[in-house]
């Protein structure tokens, strides 16, 4: 079977590593790439809406959503590593051509819908920060696409390094936001107790779950772990 993105397929061995830490590092690249999915406008919008209207009351929804996401991510990573198939390849082997065409068109619609939010989100952000009109902001966003295509042709590791740098900037910014916000730890703990203030909170809770437990993220997990062709010992593979 042909490989997805053959020009950037790489093998990352997890064998013959001298320490457990180095073995874990082999899996970090795809993990950080997937973490970008949790920094999209949908996540920020639902979390900010929940916090602005209900304070800490919906923290338990965020916690439960992330636990669900961790479970599904683990299963997706194991499937990609063990079968060496991404979702498209697994679907081609499992379903009939008719079903696969339907899945393909649905995937294209989902990709377009997700990209629309990212493009508009960045254009609006550029407008707020630098007072650049939305049309010019969209053009700048298009240049980002060509930058990523350039980096991916230079190899997965360079792509990972670029993404990890961006994730680190966002992570450090988030830490400073937490320091400046000075959350009340007692209220934070109470927010982990399941409650539903009213019907509006229910809608926001559903939005938080939808923004956190994202099917396209698990597709990416399958793809990237398969793309990096992680080679694991047979006994570990059987456990996965």
Protein backbone atom coordinates (compact mmCIF):
# COMPACT_ATOMS: atom_id res chain seq x y z
CA UNK A 1 0.00 0.00 0.00
CA UNK A 2 1.26 3.47 -0.87
CA UNK A 3 2.21 5.76 1.98
CA UNK A 4 0.45 9.00 2.83
CA UNK A 5 2.73 11.96 2.09
CA UNK A 6 5.55 9.67 0.99
CA UNK A 7 8.00 12.54 0.67
CA UNK A 8 7.93 13.21 4.43
CA UNK A 9 7.51 9.72 5.85
CA UNK A 10 10.12 9.12 8.53
CA UNK A 11 10.95 6.29 10.89
CA UNK A 12 11.38 7.13 14.56
CA UNK A 13 12.67 4.16 16.49
CA UNK A 14 11.81 3.69 20.15
CA UNK A 15 14.19 0.77 20.54
CA UNK A 16 17.75 0.82 21.88
CA UNK A 17 17.08 3.99 23.85
CA UNK A 18 19.23 4.31 26.95
CA UNK A 19 16.58 5.92 29.12
CA UNK A 20 12.83 5.93 29.54
CA UNK A 21 12.84 9.69 28.93
CA UNK A 22 14.38 9.27 25.45
CA UNK A 23 11.76 6.65 24.61
CA UNK A 24 9.00 9.04 25.60
CA UNK A 25 10.58 11.86 23.55
CA UNK A 26 10.07 9.79 20.38
CA UNK A 27 6.31 10.14 20.86
CA UNK A 28 6.34 13.83 21.76
CA UNK A 29 6.51 15.28 18.23
CA UNK A 30 3.10 14.04 17.06
CA UNK A 31 1.62 14.80 20.48
CA UNK A 32 2.61 18.47 20.29
CA UNK A 33 1.31 18.72 16.72
CA UNK A 34 -2.06 17.44 17.91
CA UNK A 35 -2.09 19.88 20.83
CA UNK A 36 -2.57 22.69 18.32
CA UNK A 37 -6.14 21.45 17.88
CA UNK A 38 -6.88 22.58 21.44
CA UNK A 39 -5.85 26.16 20.72
CA UNK A 40 -8.43 26.93 18.05
CA UNK A 41 -11.06 29.69 18.29
CA UNK A 42 -13.79 27.20 19.25
CA UNK A 43 -12.03 26.23 22.44
CA UNK A 44 -11.26 29.78 23.44
CA UNK A 45 -14.79 30.99 22.61
CA UNK A 46 -16.64 28.30 24.59
CA UNK A 47 -14.30 28.50 27.58
CA UNK A 48 -14.41 32.30 27.73
CA UNK A 49 -18.21 32.28 27.37
CA UNK A 50 -18.53 29.76 30.17
CA UNK A 51 -16.15 31.63 32.46
CA UNK A 52 -17.63 35.07 31.81
CA UNK A 53 -21.22 33.95 32.51
CA UNK A 54 -20.84 31.23 35.14
CA UNK A 55 -17.43 31.75 36.70
CA UNK A 56 -15.93 28.43 37.79
CA UNK A 57 -19.22 26.49 37.71
CA UNK A 58 -18.49 24.67 34.42
CA UNK A 59 -14.91 23.65 35.17
CA UNK A 60 -16.13 20.09 35.75
CA UNK A 61 -17.38 19.96 32.14
CA UNK A 62 -13.92 20.97 30.91
CA UNK A 63 -12.28 18.36 33.14
CA UNK A 64 -14.60 15.55 32.01
CA UNK A 65 -14.20 16.57 28.36
CA UNK A 66 -10.43 16.38 28.60
CA UNK A 67 -10.58 12.96 30.26
CA UNK A 68 -12.78 11.75 27.38
CA UNK A 69 -10.35 13.28 24.89
CA UNK A 70 -7.35 11.59 26.53
CA UNK A 71 -9.04 8.21 26.27
CA UNK A 72 -9.91 8.62 22.60
CA UNK A 73 -6.46 10.05 21.81
CA UNK A 74 -4.81 7.04 23.44
CA UNK A 75 -6.91 4.63 21.40
CA UNK A 76 -6.21 6.55 18.17
CA UNK A 77 -2.47 6.65 18.81
CA UNK A 78 -2.39 2.90 19.49
CA UNK A 79 -4.34 2.16 16.32
CA UNK A 80 -2.01 4.31 14.21
CA UNK A 81 1.17 2.86 15.72
CA UNK A 82 0.15 -0.80 15.60
CA UNK A 83 -1.66 -0.94 12.24
CA UNK A 84 0.57 1.61 10.45
CA UNK A 85 -2.61 2.94 8.81
CA UNK A 86 -4.13 6.39 8.90
CA UNK A 87 -7.90 6.84 8.94
CA UNK A 88 -8.22 7.09 5.15
CA UNK A 89 -6.28 3.88 4.59
CA UNK A 90 -8.18 2.04 7.31
CA UNK A 91 -11.49 3.18 5.80
CA UNK A 92 -10.43 2.09 2.31
CA UNK A 93 -9.63 -1.39 3.58
CA UNK A 94 -12.82 -1.68 5.65
CA UNK A 95 -15.64 -0.08 3.65
CA UNK A 96 -16.98 -0.34 0.13
CA UNK A 97 -16.06 2.33 -2.50
CA UNK A 98 -19.57 3.85 -2.24
CA UNK A 99 -19.26 4.37 1.52
CA UNK A 100 -15.73 5.71 1.11
CA UNK A 101 -16.89 8.35 -1.38
CA UNK A 102 -19.54 9.49 1.12
CA UNK A 103 -16.91 9.64 3.89
CA UNK A 104 -14.59 11.59 1.57
CA UNK A 105 -17.19 14.28 0.78
CA UNK A 106 -18.12 14.57 4.46
CA UNK A 107 -14.44 14.93 5.34
CA UNK A 108 -14.00 17.69 2.75
CA UNK A 109 -16.99 19.58 4.14
CA UNK A 110 -15.67 19.22 7.69
CA UNK A 111 -12.19 20.41 6.62
CA UNK A 112 -13.67 23.47 4.90
CA UNK A 113 -15.80 24.31 7.95
CA UNK A 114 -12.85 24.00 10.33
CA UNK A 115 -10.50 25.99 8.09
CA UNK A 116 -13.07 28.76 7.73
CA UNK A 117 -13.09 29.27 11.50
CA UNK A 118 -9.28 29.30 11.66
CA UNK A 119 -8.87 31.74 8.77
CA UNK A 120 -11.51 34.16 10.04
CA UNK A 121 -10.23 33.82 13.61
CA UNK A 122 -6.71 34.79 12.62
CA UNK A 123 -7.91 37.61 10.37
CA UNK A 124 -9.99 39.05 13.21
CA UNK A 125 -7.05 38.69 15.60
CA UNK A 126 -4.73 40.53 13.22
CA UNK A 127 -7.36 43.24 12.82
CA UNK A 128 -7.67 43.70 16.58
CA UNK A 129 -3.91 43.74 17.17
CA UNK A 130 -2.67 45.76 14.21
CA UNK A 131 -5.83 47.39 12.77
CA UNK A 132 -5.24 45.58 9.45
CA UNK A 133 -8.46 45.15 7.39
CA UNK A 134 -10.00 41.68 7.31
CA UNK A 135 -9.28 41.09 3.62
CA UNK A 136 -5.57 41.76 4.10
CA UNK A 137 -5.68 39.64 7.25
CA UNK A 138 -7.07 36.71 5.26
CA UNK A 139 -4.25 37.10 2.73
CA UNK A 140 -1.68 36.96 5.53
CA UNK A 141 -3.37 33.79 6.78
CA UNK A 142 -3.05 32.27 3.30
CA UNK A 143 0.70 32.90 3.46
CA UNK A 144 0.77 30.78 6.64
CA UNK A 145 -0.49 27.85 4.60
CA UNK A 146 2.41 28.15 2.15
CA UNK A 147 4.83 28.43 5.06
CA UNK A 148 3.60 25.17 6.54
CA UNK A 149 3.77 23.45 3.14
CA UNK A 150 7.37 24.66 2.82
CA UNK A 151 8.29 23.35 6.27
CA UNK A 152 6.64 19.96 5.79
CA UNK A 153 8.73 19.41 2.65
CA UNK A 154 11.83 20.01 4.77
CA UNK A 155 10.94 17.03 6.96
CA UNK A 156 8.63 16.22 9.83
CA UNK A 157 11.16 17.12 12.52
CA UNK A 158 11.52 20.72 11.28
CA UNK A 159 7.74 20.97 11.11
CA UNK A 160 7.50 19.69 14.67
CA UNK A 161 10.12 22.15 15.91
CA UNK A 162 8.21 25.07 14.39
CA UNK A 163 4.88 23.95 15.88
CA UNK A 164 6.43 23.24 19.29
CA UNK A 165 7.87 26.77 19.32
CA UNK A 166 4.40 28.24 18.68
CA UNK A 167 2.85 25.98 21.33
CA UNK A 168 5.52 27.06 23.82
CA UNK A 169 4.73 30.75 23.20
CA UNK A 170 1.02 30.12 23.79
CA UNK A 171 1.79 28.02 26.88
CA UNK A 172 3.96 30.72 28.44
CA UNK A 173 1.32 33.35 27.64
CA UNK A 174 -1.32 31.19 29.32
CA UNK A 175 0.82 30.87 32.46
CA UNK A 176 1.13 34.65 32.67
CA UNK A 177 -2.63 35.00 32.15
CA UNK A 178 -3.21 32.64 35.07
CA UNK A 179 -0.86 34.70 37.25
CA UNK A 180 -2.56 37.98 36.33
CA UNK A 181 -6.08 36.54 36.75
CA UNK A 182 -5.33 35.35 40.29
CA UNK A 183 -8.01 32.61 40.41
CA UNK A 184 -9.66 31.85 43.74
CA UNK A 185 -8.53 28.29 44.43
CA UNK A 186 -11.47 27.53 46.70
CA UNK A 187 -13.92 28.40 43.93
CA UNK A 188 -11.85 26.42 41.44
CA UNK A 189 -12.22 23.30 43.59
CA UNK A 190 -15.97 23.87 43.93
CA UNK A 191 -16.17 24.25 40.14
CA UNK A 192 -15.05 20.63 39.77
CA UNK A 193 -18.29 19.48 41.42
CA UNK A 194 -20.91 18.74 38.71
CA UNK A 195 -23.63 21.42 38.66
CA UNK A 196 -25.76 23.01 35.95
CA UNK A 197 -26.84 26.58 36.86
CA UNK A 198 -29.48 26.95 34.11
CA UNK A 199 -30.41 26.06 30.53
CA UNK A 200 -27.92 28.51 29.05
CA UNK A 201 -25.13 26.76 30.93
CA UNK A 202 -26.26 23.49 29.34
CA UNK A 203 -25.76 24.90 25.84
CA UNK A 204 -22.30 26.23 26.73
CA UNK A 205 -21.42 22.88 28.33
CA UNK A 206 -22.36 21.12 25.08
CA UNK A 207 -20.17 23.60 23.19
CA UNK A 208 -17.23 22.91 25.51
CA UNK A 209 -17.60 19.16 24.96
CA UNK A 210 -17.84 19.63 21.20
CA UNK A 211 -14.77 21.88 21.11
CA UNK A 212 -12.71 19.51 23.28
CA UNK A 213 -13.74 16.04 22.08
CA UNK A 214 -13.06 16.71 18.38
CA UNK A 215 -13.22 13.86 15.84
CA UNK A 216 -10.77 15.56 13.47
CA UNK A 217 -8.15 15.60 16.22
CA UNK A 218 -8.21 11.81 16.44
CA UNK A 219 -7.92 11.63 12.66
CA UNK A 220 -4.77 13.75 12.94
CA UNK A 221 -3.43 11.52 15.71
CA UNK A 222 -3.87 8.46 13.50
CA UNK A 223 -2.21 10.26 10.61
CA UNK A 224 0.82 11.70 12.39
CA UNK A 225 1.71 8.61 14.43
CA UNK A 226 1.39 6.53 11.27
CA UNK A 227 3.32 9.12 9.25
CA UNK A 228 6.26 9.03 11.62
CA UNK A 229 6.30 5.23 11.38
CA UNK A 230 7.19 4.70 15.03
CA UNK A 231 8.93 1.35 15.37
CA UNK A 232 8.22 -0.31 18.70
CA UNK A 233 9.34 -3.69 20.05
CA UNK A 234 6.97 -6.58 19.33
CA UNK A 235 6.09 -7.09 22.98
CA UNK A 236 5.18 -3.41 23.33
CA UNK A 237 3.17 -3.54 20.09
CA UNK A 238 1.11 -6.43 21.44
CA UNK A 239 0.33 -4.45 24.59
CA UNK A 240 -0.75 -1.45 22.52
